[in-house]
Amino acid sequence: MTPPVSLLILNALTKKGMSESDIKPGDALFFRYGWSTLWDQPDAYNTNPPGIGLEVAGWIAEKKVTMIGSDSFVGEVIPNPDPGLAYPVHQELMMKNGIFNLENMCFDELIEDNINEFVFIVTTIRFKGATGSPVRPIAIR
């Protein structure tokens, strides 16, 4: 039996020396699955990536987070446990709550330096009519 979402989140935060009260409105939350180690293996990288589900997406929206990011190409679990849903986390976060999703991130240097909290700056390219952009993510501690 899978533990409730709140327990999974709380355990992950505790492991990093944080608590739920450390998550403030306007924060960005990042999920490291270890998936970036597969970048040089496209078949593996593009098959059944890990990610968050709708319960975690709801928790994120309640926290009024402005952005999530992950080291997978999608940020949400694929295939979705409900085959009738297509990218429901994207819909919940971006469409319903205006929460951005940054994908294909690499957290290696942050992990090596044991950095869990930092000022995050993301610079985008403005494309007229676009729904996405390449970015330059910057972490400042």
C-alpha atoms as a PDB file:
ATOM      1  CA  MET A   1       0.000   0.000   0.000  1.00  0.00           C
ATOM      2  CA  THR A   2       1.343   3.438  -0.976  1.00  0.00           C
ATOM      3  CA  PRO A   3       1.612   5.945   1.889  1.00  0.00           C
ATOM      4  CA  PRO A   4      -0.554   9.070   1.668  1.00  0.00           C
ATOM      5  CA  VAL A   5       0.885  11.922  -0.360  1.00  0.00           C
ATOM      6  CA  SER A   6       1.361  14.089   2.689  1.00  0.00           C
ATOM      7  CA  LEU A   7       3.538  11.405   4.258  1.00  0.00           C
ATOM      8  CA  LEU A   8       5.638  11.022   1.086  1.00  0.00           C
ATOM      9  CA  ILE A   9       6.178  14.783   0.848  1.00  0.00           C
ATOM     10  CA  LEU A  10       6.894  15.149   4.559  1.00  0.00           C
ATOM     11  CA  ASN A  11       9.419  12.299   4.458  1.00  0.00           C
ATOM     12  CA  ALA A  12      11.203  13.829   1.467  1.00  0.00           C
ATOM     13  CA  LEU A  13      11.329  17.236   3.167  1.00  0.00           C
ATOM     14  CA  THR A  14      12.548  15.695   6.433  1.00  0.00           C
ATOM     15  CA  LYS A  15      15.299  13.843   4.578  1.00  0.00           C
ATOM     16  CA  LYS A  16      16.542  17.226   3.336  1.00  0.00           C
ATOM     17  CA  GLY A  17      16.290  18.875   6.768  1.00  0.00           C
ATOM     18  CA  MET A  18      13.161  20.806   5.849  1.00  0.00           C
ATOM     19  CA  SER A  19       9.519  20.848   6.913  1.00  0.00           C
ATOM     20  CA  GLU A  20       6.229  21.598   5.203  1.00  0.00           C
ATOM     21  CA  SER A  21       6.233  25.069   6.767  1.00  0.00           C
ATOM     22  CA  ASP A  22       9.403  25.850   4.782  1.00  0.00           C
ATOM     23  CA  ILE A  23       7.338  25.824   1.566  1.00  0.00           C
ATOM     24  CA  LYS A  24       6.095  29.369   1.026  1.00  0.00           C
ATOM     25  CA  PRO A  25       3.806  30.933  -1.607  1.00  0.00           C
ATOM     26  CA  GLY A  26       5.898  31.875  -4.621  1.00  0.00           C
ATOM     27  CA  ASP A  27       8.472  29.101  -4.106  1.00  0.00           C
ATOM     28  CA  ALA A  28       9.675  26.749  -6.805  1.00  0.00           C
ATOM     29  CA  LEU A  29       9.796  23.031  -5.984  1.00  0.00           C
ATOM     30  CA  PHE A  30      12.141  20.628  -7.752  1.00  0.00           C
ATOM     31  CA  PHE A  31      11.922  16.861  -8.014  1.00  0.00           C
ATOM     32  CA  ARG A  32      15.063  14.838  -8.647  1.00  0.00           C
ATOM     33  CA  TYR A  33      14.347  11.318  -9.795  1.00  0.00           C
ATOM     34  CA  GLY A  34      17.843  10.509 -11.091  1.00  0.00           C
ATOM     35  CA  TRP A  35      16.383  10.473 -14.594  1.00  0.00           C
ATOM     36  CA  SER A  36      19.025  12.844 -16.017  1.00  0.00           C
ATOM     37  CA  THR A  37      21.509   9.960 -15.800  1.00  0.00           C
ATOM     38  CA  LEU A  38      19.644   8.472 -18.772  1.00  0.00           C
ATOM     39  CA  TRP A  39      20.103  11.434 -21.144  1.00  0.00           C
ATOM     40  CA  ASP A  40      22.595   9.444 -23.211  1.00  0.00           C
ATOM     41  CA  GLN A  41      20.144   6.518 -23.417  1.00  0.00           C
ATOM     42  CA  PRO A  42      17.152   7.956 -25.320  1.00  0.00           C
ATOM     43  CA  ASP A  43      15.101   4.750 -25.332  1.00  0.00           C
ATOM     44  CA  ALA A  44      15.356   4.422 -21.546  1.00  0.00           C
ATOM     45  CA  TYR A  45      14.940   8.174 -20.908  1.00  0.00           C
ATOM     46  CA  ASN A  46      11.766   8.346 -22.982  1.00  0.00           C
ATOM     47  CA  THR A  47      10.115   5.256 -21.477  1.00  0.00           C
ATOM     48  CA  ASN A  48       7.839   5.414 -18.432  1.00  0.00           C
ATOM     49  CA  PRO A  49       9.414   8.382 -16.616  1.00  0.00           C
ATOM     50  CA  PRO A  50       8.748   8.880 -12.915  1.00  0.00           C
ATOM     51  CA  GLY A  51       6.894  11.924 -11.731  1.00  0.00           C
ATOM     52  CA  ILE A  52       4.241  13.358  -9.498  1.00  0.00           C
ATOM     53  CA  GLY A  53       0.546  12.540  -9.621  1.00  0.00           C
ATOM     54  CA  LEU A  54      -2.627  14.528  -9.122  1.00  0.00           C
ATOM     55  CA  GLU A  55      -2.527  14.297  -5.320  1.00  0.00           C
ATOM     56  CA  VAL A  56       0.898  15.946  -5.168  1.00  0.00           C
ATOM     57  CA  ALA A  57      -0.185  18.474  -7.811  1.00  0.00           C
ATOM     58  CA  GLY A  58      -3.122  19.427  -5.576  1.00  0.00           C
ATOM     59  CA  TRP A  59      -0.801  19.823  -2.598  1.00  0.00           C
ATOM     60  CA  ILE A  60       1.515  22.022  -4.699  1.00  0.00           C
ATOM     61  CA  ALA A  61      -1.408  24.198  -5.775  1.00  0.00           C
ATOM     62  CA  GLU A  62      -2.563  24.542  -2.142  1.00  0.00           C
ATOM     63  CA  LYS A  63       0.930  25.755  -1.233  1.00  0.00           C
ATOM     64  CA  LYS A  64       0.709  28.419  -3.985  1.00  0.00           C
ATOM     65  CA  VAL A  65       4.008  27.355  -5.511  1.00  0.00           C
ATOM     66  CA  THR A  66       4.804  29.236  -8.739  1.00  0.00           C
ATOM     67  CA  MET A  67       6.929  26.603 -10.487  1.00  0.00           C
ATOM     68  CA  ILE A  68       7.913  22.976 -10.346  1.00  0.00           C
ATOM     69  CA  GLY A  69      10.832  21.359 -12.089  1.00  0.00           C
ATOM     70  CA  SER A  70      12.235  17.889 -12.550  1.00  0.00           C
ATOM     71  CA  ASP A  71      14.994  15.941 -14.233  1.00  0.00           C
ATOM     72  CA  SER A  72      12.533  14.056 -16.442  1.00  0.00           C
ATOM     73  CA  PHE A  73      11.037  15.195 -19.717  1.00  0.00           C
ATOM     74  CA  VAL A  74       7.529  15.522 -18.363  1.00  0.00           C
ATOM     75  CA  GLY A  75       7.480  15.989 -14.573  1.00  0.00           C
ATOM     76  CA  GLU A  76       4.519  13.697 -14.080  1.00  0.00           C
ATOM     77  CA  VAL A  77       4.275   9.928 -14.010  1.00  0.00           C
ATOM     78  CA  ILE A  78       3.823   8.348 -17.445  1.00  0.00           C
ATOM     79  CA  PRO A  79       1.786   6.334 -18.166  1.00  0.00           C
ATOM     80  CA  ASN A  80      -0.831   7.826 -15.906  1.00  0.00           C
ATOM     81  CA  PRO A  81      -2.489   5.261 -13.625  1.00  0.00           C
ATOM     82  CA  ASP A  82      -5.828   6.335 -15.143  1.00  0.00           C
ATOM     83  CA  PRO A  83      -5.568   5.551 -18.881  1.00  0.00           C
ATOM     84  CA  GLY A  84      -8.469   7.932 -19.525  1.00  0.00           C
ATOM     85  CA  LEU A  85      -6.377  10.951 -18.502  1.00  0.00           C
ATOM     86  CA  ALA A  86      -3.805  12.699 -20.673  1.00  0.00           C
ATOM     87  CA  TYR A  87      -1.213  14.759 -18.769  1.00  0.00           C
ATOM     88  CA  PRO A  88      -3.533  15.575 -15.855  1.00  0.00           C
ATOM     89  CA  VAL A  89      -0.733  17.059 -13.710  1.00  0.00           C
ATOM     90  CA  HIS A  90       0.117  19.542 -16.470  1.00  0.00           C
ATOM     91  CA  GLN A  91      -3.556  20.486 -16.649  1.00  0.00           C
ATOM     92  CA  GLU A  92      -3.926  20.822 -12.878  1.00  0.00           C
ATOM     93  CA  LEU A  93      -0.783  22.864 -12.389  1.00  0.00           C
ATOM     94  CA  MET A  94      -0.486  24.978 -15.519  1.00  0.00           C
ATOM     95  CA  MET A  95      -4.003  25.338 -16.857  1.00  0.00           C
ATOM     96  CA  LYS A  96      -5.966  25.482 -13.598  1.00  0.00           C
ATOM     97  CA  ASN A  97      -3.410  27.113 -11.279  1.00  0.00           C
ATOM     98  CA  GLY A  98      -0.872  28.942 -13.475  1.00  0.00           C
ATOM     99  CA  ILE A  99       2.061  26.964 -12.063  1.00  0.00           C
ATOM    100  CA  PHE A 100       4.961  26.638 -14.489  1.00  0.00           C
ATOM    101  CA  ASN A 101       6.677  23.323 -15.217  1.00  0.00           C
ATOM    102  CA  LEU A 102      10.400  23.215 -16.001  1.00  0.00           C
ATOM    103  CA  GLU A 103      11.605  19.921 -17.446  1.00  0.00           C
ATOM    104  CA  ASN A 104      14.897  18.171 -18.260  1.00  0.00           C
ATOM    105  CA  MET A 105      16.784  19.790 -15.399  1.00  0.00           C
ATOM    106  CA  CYS A 106      20.117  18.618 -14.021  1.00  0.00           C
ATOM    107  CA  PHE A 107      20.619  18.899 -10.265  1.00  0.00           C
ATOM    108  CA  ASP A 108      24.036  17.218  -9.992  1.00  0.00           C
ATOM    109  CA  GLU A 109      25.997  20.264  -8.777  1.00  0.00           C
ATOM    110  CA  LEU A 110      23.328  21.210  -6.227  1.00  0.00           C
ATOM    111  CA  ILE A 111      23.269  17.642  -4.905  1.00  0.00           C
ATOM    112  CA  GLU A 112      27.077  17.436  -4.749  1.00  0.00           C
ATOM    113  CA  ASP A 113      27.143  20.646  -2.687  1.00  0.00           C
ATOM    114  CA  ASN A 114      24.178  19.516  -0.532  1.00  0.00           C
ATOM    115  CA  ILE A 115      22.177  22.621  -1.461  1.00  0.00           C
ATOM    116  CA  ASN A 116      18.427  22.338  -0.905  1.00  0.00           C
ATOM    117  CA  GLU A 117      17.334  25.965  -0.659  1.00  0.00           C
ATOM    118  CA  PHE A 118      18.433  28.786  -2.944  1.00  0.00           C
ATOM    119  CA  VAL A 119      17.264  31.823  -4.853  1.00  0.00           C
ATOM    120  CA  PHE A 120      16.084  30.571  -8.228  1.00  0.00           C
ATOM    121  CA  ILE A 121      16.191  32.724 -11.340  1.00  0.00           C
ATOM    122  CA  VAL A 122      14.978  31.473 -14.690  1.00  0.00           C
ATOM    123  CA  THR A 123      15.488  33.459 -17.858  1.00  0.00           C
ATOM    124  CA  THR A 124      13.309  32.707 -20.861  1.00  0.00           C
ATOM    125  CA  ILE A 125      13.256  33.659 -24.503  1.00  0.00           C
ATOM    126  CA  ARG A 126      10.077  35.484 -25.437  1.00  0.00           C
ATOM    127  CA  PHE A 127       8.465  33.796 -28.412  1.00  0.00           C
ATOM    128  CA  LYS A 128       5.220  35.314 -29.645  1.00  0.00           C
ATOM    129  CA  GLY A 129       2.388  32.792 -29.304  1.00  0.00           C
ATOM    130  CA  ALA A 130       4.626  30.097 -27.794  1.00  0.00           C
ATOM    131  CA  THR A 131       3.713  27.802 -24.915  1.00  0.00           C
ATOM    132  CA  GLY A 132       7.298  27.138 -23.877  1.00  0.00           C
ATOM    133  CA  SER A 133      10.863  28.354 -24.127  1.00  0.00           C
ATOM    134  CA  PRO A 134      14.415  27.204 -23.626  1.00  0.00           C
ATOM    135  CA  VAL A 135      15.633  28.677 -20.355  1.00  0.00           C
ATOM    136  CA  ARG A 136      18.772  29.361 -18.382  1.00  0.00           C
ATOM    137  CA  PRO A 137      18.107  28.286 -14.791  1.00  0.00           C
ATOM    138  CA  ILE A 138      20.289  29.928 -12.145  1.00  0.00           C
ATOM    139  CA  ALA A 139      20.554  28.883  -8.497  1.00  0.00           C
ATOM    140  CA  ILE A 140      22.108  31.424  -6.100  1.00  0.00           C
ATOM    141  CA  ARG A 141      22.953  30.508  -2.564  1.00  0.00           C
END
